[in-house]
């Protein structure tokens, strides 16, 4: 699970079902660096109806005008998608399509609890989590106003409620002078009560082993700390279907604490707290392999030995990693 504005959402790799709030992220890298796009206009969700061929939803070929080739086909704006995300601002009777990701409509604080929220960024907004990092949340049964069908004031509904595979198609523009293009990812909604649920006849015993990738860091770096997680299922009578759940992300509520170990052990405190659990938790990222990641800004810190420890929830237990040492030099 993950948090968006302190609300629990389910990332695409955690076997989400149609009844979950499914978190779809996109990381936009340019020249090896996460960078904001000039414009992010929409995210369309379509079913995979042609065995992984997403081109069926795009306008391709010589009949499409310059600038539209390779984008979502206009004939599918209203009738084809299961869900559309776009940021719309209303000023009296005027609608404005907000595409600049640095504007307020993209703030994650616009994402609210689902109860009673309609026609706002919570329903179909695109959110900027950080530079080059964007997300949308596929919420079951939520109505929203689609930019392409808003002229008559009608509402659309999220219809991604089938157990099948989908495409999320992001339309971006890199610079003011560049042509818009699509970036396409895929995800699968699993069957609630079936493929994403297992039952056991004995308590599940799992050994969790974690390791810190870094040993030395140069002072002044903005370093992405990476704590890798491995699992071993101890039970002898547990089948492969249960073990398969550990191929997807199951780790939750991750946080990291960083302290500086004192070079002087005879006087003063033996350590100095640099980052506490509550400070790092909102900025923690995890991937499909349950690697815990945190961007650590080391500018202004003293050289020396630092201690890094991770806390997380795995199944019904709290896991405290070993106390890893890293040298800032």
Protein backbone atom coordinates (compact mmCIF):
# COMPACT_ATOMS: atom_id res chain seq x y z
CA UNK A 1 0.00 0.00 0.00
CA UNK A 2 0.97 3.65 -0.38
CA UNK A 3 -0.16 7.02 0.93
CA UNK A 4 -1.31 9.99 -1.13
CA UNK A 5 -2.12 13.01 1.04
CA UNK A 6 -2.16 10.54 3.98
CA UNK A 7 -4.92 8.48 2.30
CA UNK A 8 -4.25 4.79 1.64
CA UNK A 9 -4.10 3.81 -2.03
CA UNK A 10 -3.04 0.57 -3.76
CA UNK A 11 -0.15 0.77 -6.28
CA UNK A 12 -0.53 -1.02 -9.60
CA UNK A 13 1.94 -3.79 -8.64
CA UNK A 14 0.12 -4.82 -5.44
CA UNK A 15 -2.52 -6.91 -7.24
CA UNK A 16 -5.37 -4.37 -6.89
CA UNK A 17 -8.99 -5.34 -7.37
CA UNK A 18 -11.84 -3.30 -8.97
CA UNK A 19 -12.97 -2.30 -5.47
CA UNK A 20 -9.63 -0.69 -4.54
CA UNK A 21 -8.41 2.88 -4.93
CA UNK A 22 -5.74 2.02 -7.52
CA UNK A 23 -2.69 4.28 -7.57
CA UNK A 24 -1.19 4.77 -11.04
CA UNK A 25 2.15 6.59 -11.07
CA UNK A 26 4.37 7.93 -13.82
CA UNK A 27 7.99 8.98 -13.43
CA UNK A 28 9.19 11.28 -16.22
CA UNK A 29 12.94 11.25 -16.70
CA UNK A 30 14.82 13.51 -19.10
CA UNK A 31 18.56 13.16 -19.54
CA UNK A 32 18.64 10.73 -16.63
CA UNK A 33 16.93 13.20 -14.25
CA UNK A 34 13.35 13.42 -13.02
CA UNK A 35 12.00 16.53 -14.73
CA UNK A 36 8.62 18.20 -14.99
CA UNK A 37 6.90 18.16 -18.35
CA UNK A 38 5.74 21.42 -19.92
CA UNK A 39 2.15 20.13 -20.07
CA UNK A 40 0.32 17.07 -18.77
CA UNK A 41 -3.15 17.24 -20.26
CA UNK A 42 -4.84 13.90 -19.61
CA UNK A 43 -4.68 10.28 -18.55
CA UNK A 44 -7.01 7.87 -20.34
CA UNK A 45 -7.75 4.37 -19.05
CA UNK A 46 -8.75 1.81 -21.69
CA UNK A 47 -9.28 -1.94 -21.55
CA UNK A 48 -6.70 -4.15 -23.20
CA UNK A 49 -8.91 -5.58 -25.93
CA UNK A 50 -6.20 -6.75 -28.35
CA UNK A 51 -3.66 -8.85 -26.41
CA UNK A 52 -1.38 -6.04 -25.34
CA UNK A 53 -1.77 -3.85 -28.43
CA UNK A 54 -2.45 -0.33 -27.16
CA UNK A 55 -2.33 1.17 -30.67
CA UNK A 56 -6.01 0.32 -31.19
CA UNK A 57 -6.86 3.36 -29.02
CA UNK A 58 -4.54 5.75 -30.85
CA UNK A 59 -4.84 7.75 -34.03
CA UNK A 60 -2.13 6.34 -36.29
CA UNK A 61 -1.52 6.45 -40.00
CA UNK A 62 -1.51 9.03 -42.76
CA UNK A 63 -5.17 9.98 -42.26
CA UNK A 64 -4.35 11.66 -38.92
CA UNK A 65 -3.22 15.29 -39.05
CA UNK A 66 0.22 16.45 -37.99
CA UNK A 67 0.31 16.77 -34.23
CA UNK A 68 -2.44 14.18 -33.66
CA UNK A 69 -0.69 11.08 -34.95
CA UNK A 70 0.03 8.74 -32.05
CA UNK A 71 -2.36 10.46 -29.61
CA UNK A 72 -5.64 9.09 -28.29
CA UNK A 73 -8.05 8.97 -31.23
CA UNK A 74 -10.75 11.65 -31.02
CA UNK A 75 -13.39 9.02 -31.80
CA UNK A 76 -12.65 7.43 -28.40
CA UNK A 77 -12.75 10.60 -26.28
CA UNK A 78 -16.26 9.87 -24.98
CA UNK A 79 -17.21 6.31 -25.89
CA UNK A 80 -14.04 4.30 -25.40
CA UNK A 81 -12.36 5.10 -22.08
CA UNK A 82 -13.15 3.48 -18.75
CA UNK A 83 -11.80 6.56 -16.97
CA UNK A 84 -10.38 9.96 -17.87
CA UNK A 85 -8.20 12.13 -15.63
CA UNK A 86 -7.75 15.85 -16.30
CA UNK A 87 -7.56 19.01 -14.22
CA UNK A 88 -10.37 21.47 -14.87
CA UNK A 89 -10.88 24.90 -13.33
CA UNK A 90 -14.20 26.71 -13.50
CA UNK A 91 -14.51 30.47 -13.57
CA UNK A 92 -18.21 31.31 -13.68
CA UNK A 93 -19.44 29.82 -16.96
CA UNK A 94 -15.94 29.29 -18.34
CA UNK A 95 -13.97 26.06 -18.11
CA UNK A 96 -10.17 26.12 -18.19
CA UNK A 97 -8.05 23.06 -18.90
CA UNK A 98 -5.09 23.19 -16.49
CA UNK A 99 -2.07 21.38 -17.94
CA UNK A 100 0.91 23.04 -16.23
CA UNK A 101 1.95 20.56 -13.50
CA UNK A 102 3.33 23.31 -11.26
CA UNK A 103 -0.09 24.95 -10.84
CA UNK A 104 -2.23 24.49 -7.73
CA UNK A 105 -4.68 22.09 -9.39
CA UNK A 106 -1.89 19.49 -9.38
CA UNK A 107 -1.25 19.71 -5.62
CA UNK A 108 -1.65 16.41 -3.76
CA UNK A 109 -3.61 18.25 -1.07
CA UNK A 110 -6.51 18.31 -3.55
CA UNK A 111 -6.86 14.55 -3.13
CA UNK A 112 -9.53 13.93 -0.48
CA UNK A 113 -11.38 10.97 1.03
CA UNK A 114 -13.86 9.50 -1.43
CA UNK A 115 -16.97 9.98 0.71
CA UNK A 116 -19.23 12.57 -0.85
CA UNK A 117 -16.57 14.04 -3.11
CA UNK A 118 -17.76 14.60 -6.66
CA UNK A 119 -16.54 16.62 -9.65
CA UNK A 120 -13.29 17.71 -7.97
CA UNK A 121 -9.64 16.87 -8.33
CA UNK A 122 -10.28 14.00 -5.91
CA UNK A 123 -12.42 12.27 -8.52
CA UNK A 124 -10.36 12.69 -11.66
CA UNK A 125 -7.40 14.90 -10.85
CA UNK A 126 -3.79 14.44 -11.89
CA UNK A 127 -1.39 15.05 -9.01
CA UNK A 128 2.25 16.14 -8.93
CA UNK A 129 4.02 14.26 -6.16
CA UNK A 130 7.43 15.73 -6.96
CA UNK A 131 9.55 16.86 -9.90
CA UNK A 132 8.72 14.50 -12.77
CA UNK A 133 6.61 12.30 -10.50
CA UNK A 134 2.85 12.23 -11.13
CA UNK A 135 -0.06 10.08 -10.02
CA UNK A 136 -3.77 9.46 -10.47
CA UNK A 137 -6.13 7.30 -8.43
CA UNK A 138 -8.67 5.01 -10.04
CA UNK A 139 -11.57 5.10 -7.57
CA UNK A 140 -14.52 2.70 -7.87
CA UNK A 141 -17.94 4.19 -8.53
CA UNK A 142 -16.81 7.81 -8.69
CA UNK A 143 -18.44 10.22 -11.12
CA UNK A 144 -16.41 12.96 -12.69
CA UNK A 145 -16.53 15.68 -15.31
CA UNK A 146 -14.53 14.90 -18.43
CA UNK A 147 -13.04 17.84 -20.34
CA UNK A 148 -14.21 16.36 -23.64
CA UNK A 149 -17.87 15.95 -22.58
CA UNK A 150 -18.33 18.80 -20.14
CA UNK A 151 -20.08 21.11 -22.57
CA UNK A 152 -23.47 19.62 -21.77
CA UNK A 153 -22.77 19.39 -18.04
CA UNK A 154 -23.06 15.61 -18.03
CA UNK A 155 -21.11 13.36 -15.69
CA UNK A 156 -19.02 10.37 -16.62
CA UNK A 157 -18.35 7.35 -14.42
CA UNK A 158 -15.35 5.16 -13.77
CA UNK A 159 -16.22 1.85 -15.44
CA UNK A 160 -12.89 0.07 -14.85
CA UNK A 161 -14.66 -2.55 -12.76
CA UNK A 162 -13.81 -5.74 -14.65
CA UNK A 163 -11.17 -8.30 -13.77
CA UNK A 164 -8.91 -7.72 -16.76
CA UNK A 165 -5.90 -5.75 -18.02
CA UNK A 166 -5.92 -2.04 -18.83
CA UNK A 167 -3.75 0.67 -20.36
CA UNK A 168 -3.17 4.05 -18.75
CA UNK A 169 -2.28 6.49 -21.53
CA UNK A 170 -0.67 9.77 -20.47
CA UNK A 171 -0.60 12.70 -22.90
CA UNK A 172 2.38 14.99 -22.26
CA UNK A 173 4.22 17.84 -23.95
CA UNK A 174 7.91 18.09 -23.17
CA UNK A 175 8.47 21.76 -24.12
CA UNK A 176 6.40 24.65 -25.42
CA UNK A 177 7.65 24.01 -28.96
CA UNK A 178 7.37 20.21 -28.96
CA UNK A 179 4.51 18.05 -30.20
CA UNK A 180 2.29 16.30 -27.63
CA UNK A 181 2.87 12.56 -27.32
CA UNK A 182 1.55 9.62 -25.39
CA UNK A 183 3.26 7.53 -22.73
CA UNK A 184 1.58 4.16 -22.20
CA UNK A 185 1.69 1.81 -19.22
CA UNK A 186 -0.42 -1.17 -18.24
CA UNK A 187 -1.96 -2.65 -15.11
CA UNK A 188 -4.29 -5.49 -14.17
CA UNK A 189 -7.25 -5.57 -11.83
CA UNK A 190 -7.39 -8.91 -10.04
CA UNK A 191 -10.51 -10.76 -8.99
CA UNK A 192 -11.62 -9.68 -5.53
CA UNK A 193 -12.04 -12.79 -3.45
CA UNK A 194 -10.07 -14.92 -5.92
CA UNK A 195 -6.65 -14.27 -7.39
CA UNK A 196 -5.60 -11.63 -4.87
CA UNK A 197 -6.77 -13.55 -1.80
CA UNK A 198 -5.26 -16.67 -0.22
CA UNK A 199 -6.36 -18.85 2.68
CA UNK A 200 -4.20 -20.83 5.09
CA UNK A 201 -4.67 -23.69 7.52
CA UNK A 202 -1.75 -22.64 9.72
CA UNK A 203 -0.10 -19.37 10.73
CA UNK A 204 2.19 -17.99 8.05
CA UNK A 205 5.82 -17.72 9.18
CA UNK A 206 7.98 -15.39 7.13
CA UNK A 207 11.58 -14.38 7.67
CA UNK A 208 12.31 -10.86 6.41
CA UNK A 209 15.84 -9.84 5.58
CA UNK A 210 16.79 -6.28 4.69
CA UNK A 211 20.03 -4.71 3.51
CA UNK A 212 21.21 -1.17 2.77
CA UNK A 213 22.71 -0.73 -0.68
CA UNK A 214 25.01 2.18 0.28
CA UNK A 215 28.15 1.89 2.41
CA UNK A 216 29.87 5.18 1.54
CA UNK A 217 28.32 8.52 0.51
CA UNK A 218 30.12 11.68 -0.51
CA UNK A 219 29.07 14.66 1.60
CA UNK A 220 26.92 17.11 -0.33
CA UNK A 221 25.15 14.37 -2.28
CA UNK A 222 21.39 14.00 -2.57
CA UNK A 223 21.48 10.24 -2.15
CA UNK A 224 18.60 7.83 -2.68
CA UNK A 225 18.99 5.40 0.21
CA UNK A 226 17.87 1.93 -0.87
CA UNK A 227 16.94 -0.75 1.64
CA UNK A 228 16.28 -4.02 -0.15
CA UNK A 229 13.85 -6.60 1.23
CA UNK A 230 13.92 -10.38 0.82
CA UNK A 231 11.43 -12.90 2.18
CA UNK A 232 11.67 -16.58 3.05
CA UNK A 233 8.46 -18.51 3.82
CA UNK A 234 9.35 -20.95 6.60
CA UNK A 235 6.19 -23.12 6.49
CA UNK A 236 6.76 -26.46 4.78
CA UNK A 237 3.11 -27.04 3.96
CA UNK A 238 2.41 -23.72 2.28
CA UNK A 239 1.74 -23.96 -1.46
CA UNK A 240 3.22 -21.98 -4.29
CA UNK A 241 0.09 -19.83 -4.58
CA UNK A 242 0.84 -18.35 -1.16
CA UNK A 243 4.54 -17.89 -1.90
CA UNK A 244 3.61 -16.04 -5.09
CA UNK A 245 2.21 -13.11 -3.12
CA UNK A 246 5.77 -12.24 -2.13
CA UNK A 247 6.58 -11.57 -5.79
CA UNK A 248 4.44 -8.44 -5.46
CA UNK A 249 4.76 -5.59 -2.99
CA UNK A 250 3.29 -6.37 0.43
CA UNK A 251 5.33 -4.02 2.63
CA UNK A 252 3.47 -1.11 4.21
CA UNK A 253 3.97 1.92 6.47
CA UNK A 254 7.69 2.23 5.77
CA UNK A 255 9.81 4.85 7.51
CA UNK A 256 13.52 5.45 8.07
CA UNK A 257 15.47 6.90 11.00
CA UNK A 258 18.94 8.38 10.51
CA UNK A 259 21.28 9.22 13.39
CA UNK A 260 24.90 10.35 13.49
CA UNK A 261 27.16 8.25 15.66
CA UNK A 262 29.34 10.42 17.88
CA UNK A 263 33.09 10.27 17.42
CA UNK A 264 33.52 11.13 21.10
CA UNK A 265 32.32 8.36 23.39
CA UNK A 266 33.69 9.76 26.64
CA UNK A 267 31.63 12.96 26.76
CA UNK A 268 28.23 14.11 25.54
CA UNK A 269 25.52 12.10 23.84
CA UNK A 270 26.59 9.00 21.89
CA UNK A 271 24.47 10.03 18.90
CA UNK A 272 22.63 12.90 17.21
CA UNK A 273 19.19 12.42 15.65
CA UNK A 274 19.26 13.58 12.01
CA UNK A 275 15.92 12.31 10.65
CA UNK A 276 13.17 10.79 12.76
CA UNK A 277 10.55 8.27 11.59
CA UNK A 278 7.81 10.87 11.21
CA UNK A 279 10.03 13.11 9.08
CA UNK A 280 10.87 10.48 6.49
CA UNK A 281 7.59 8.56 6.27
CA UNK A 282 5.78 11.03 3.93
CA UNK A 283 8.72 10.96 1.50
CA UNK A 284 9.32 7.18 1.46
CA UNK A 285 8.91 5.34 -1.82
CA UNK A 286 8.70 1.59 -2.39
CA UNK A 287 8.82 -0.45 -5.57
CA UNK A 288 7.33 -3.76 -6.66
CA UNK A 289 10.24 -5.63 -5.02
CA UNK A 290 9.56 -3.88 -1.68
CA UNK A 291 12.75 -1.84 -1.85
CA UNK A 292 12.43 1.09 0.57
CA UNK A 293 13.79 4.34 -0.91
CA UNK A 294 14.41 7.73 0.64
CA UNK A 295 16.18 10.80 -0.82
CA UNK A 296 18.70 11.93 1.81
CA UNK A 297 20.08 15.45 1.47
CA UNK A 298 23.59 15.41 2.95
CA UNK A 299 24.55 19.05 2.30
CA UNK A 300 25.56 20.77 5.53
CA UNK A 301 26.05 17.53 7.45
CA UNK A 302 29.32 16.57 9.11
CA UNK A 303 31.45 13.76 7.78
CA UNK A 304 31.49 10.61 9.87
CA UNK A 305 29.50 7.46 10.56
CA UNK A 306 25.72 7.47 10.37
CA UNK A 307 23.24 4.79 11.37
CA UNK A 308 20.22 4.02 9.17
CA UNK A 309 17.31 1.85 10.28
CA UNK A 310 13.99 1.05 8.58
CA UNK A 311 10.62 0.29 10.12
CA UNK A 312 7.79 -1.29 8.14
CA UNK A 313 4.75 -3.54 8.37
CA UNK A 314 4.80 -6.93 6.67
CA UNK A 315 1.57 -8.93 6.91
CA UNK A 316 0.58 -8.80 10.59
CA UNK A 317 3.98 -7.92 12.01
CA UNK A 318 6.21 -4.88 12.42
CA UNK A 319 9.68 -5.33 10.96
CA UNK A 320 12.64 -3.36 12.29
CA UNK A 321 15.67 -3.72 10.09
CA UNK A 322 19.23 -4.06 11.33
CA UNK A 323 21.00 -0.84 12.18
CA UNK A 324 23.02 -0.21 9.04
CA UNK A 325 26.11 1.97 9.09
CA UNK A 326 27.02 4.31 6.26
CA UNK A 327 30.04 6.59 6.11
CA UNK A 328 29.60 10.17 4.95
CA UNK A 329 32.98 11.24 3.63
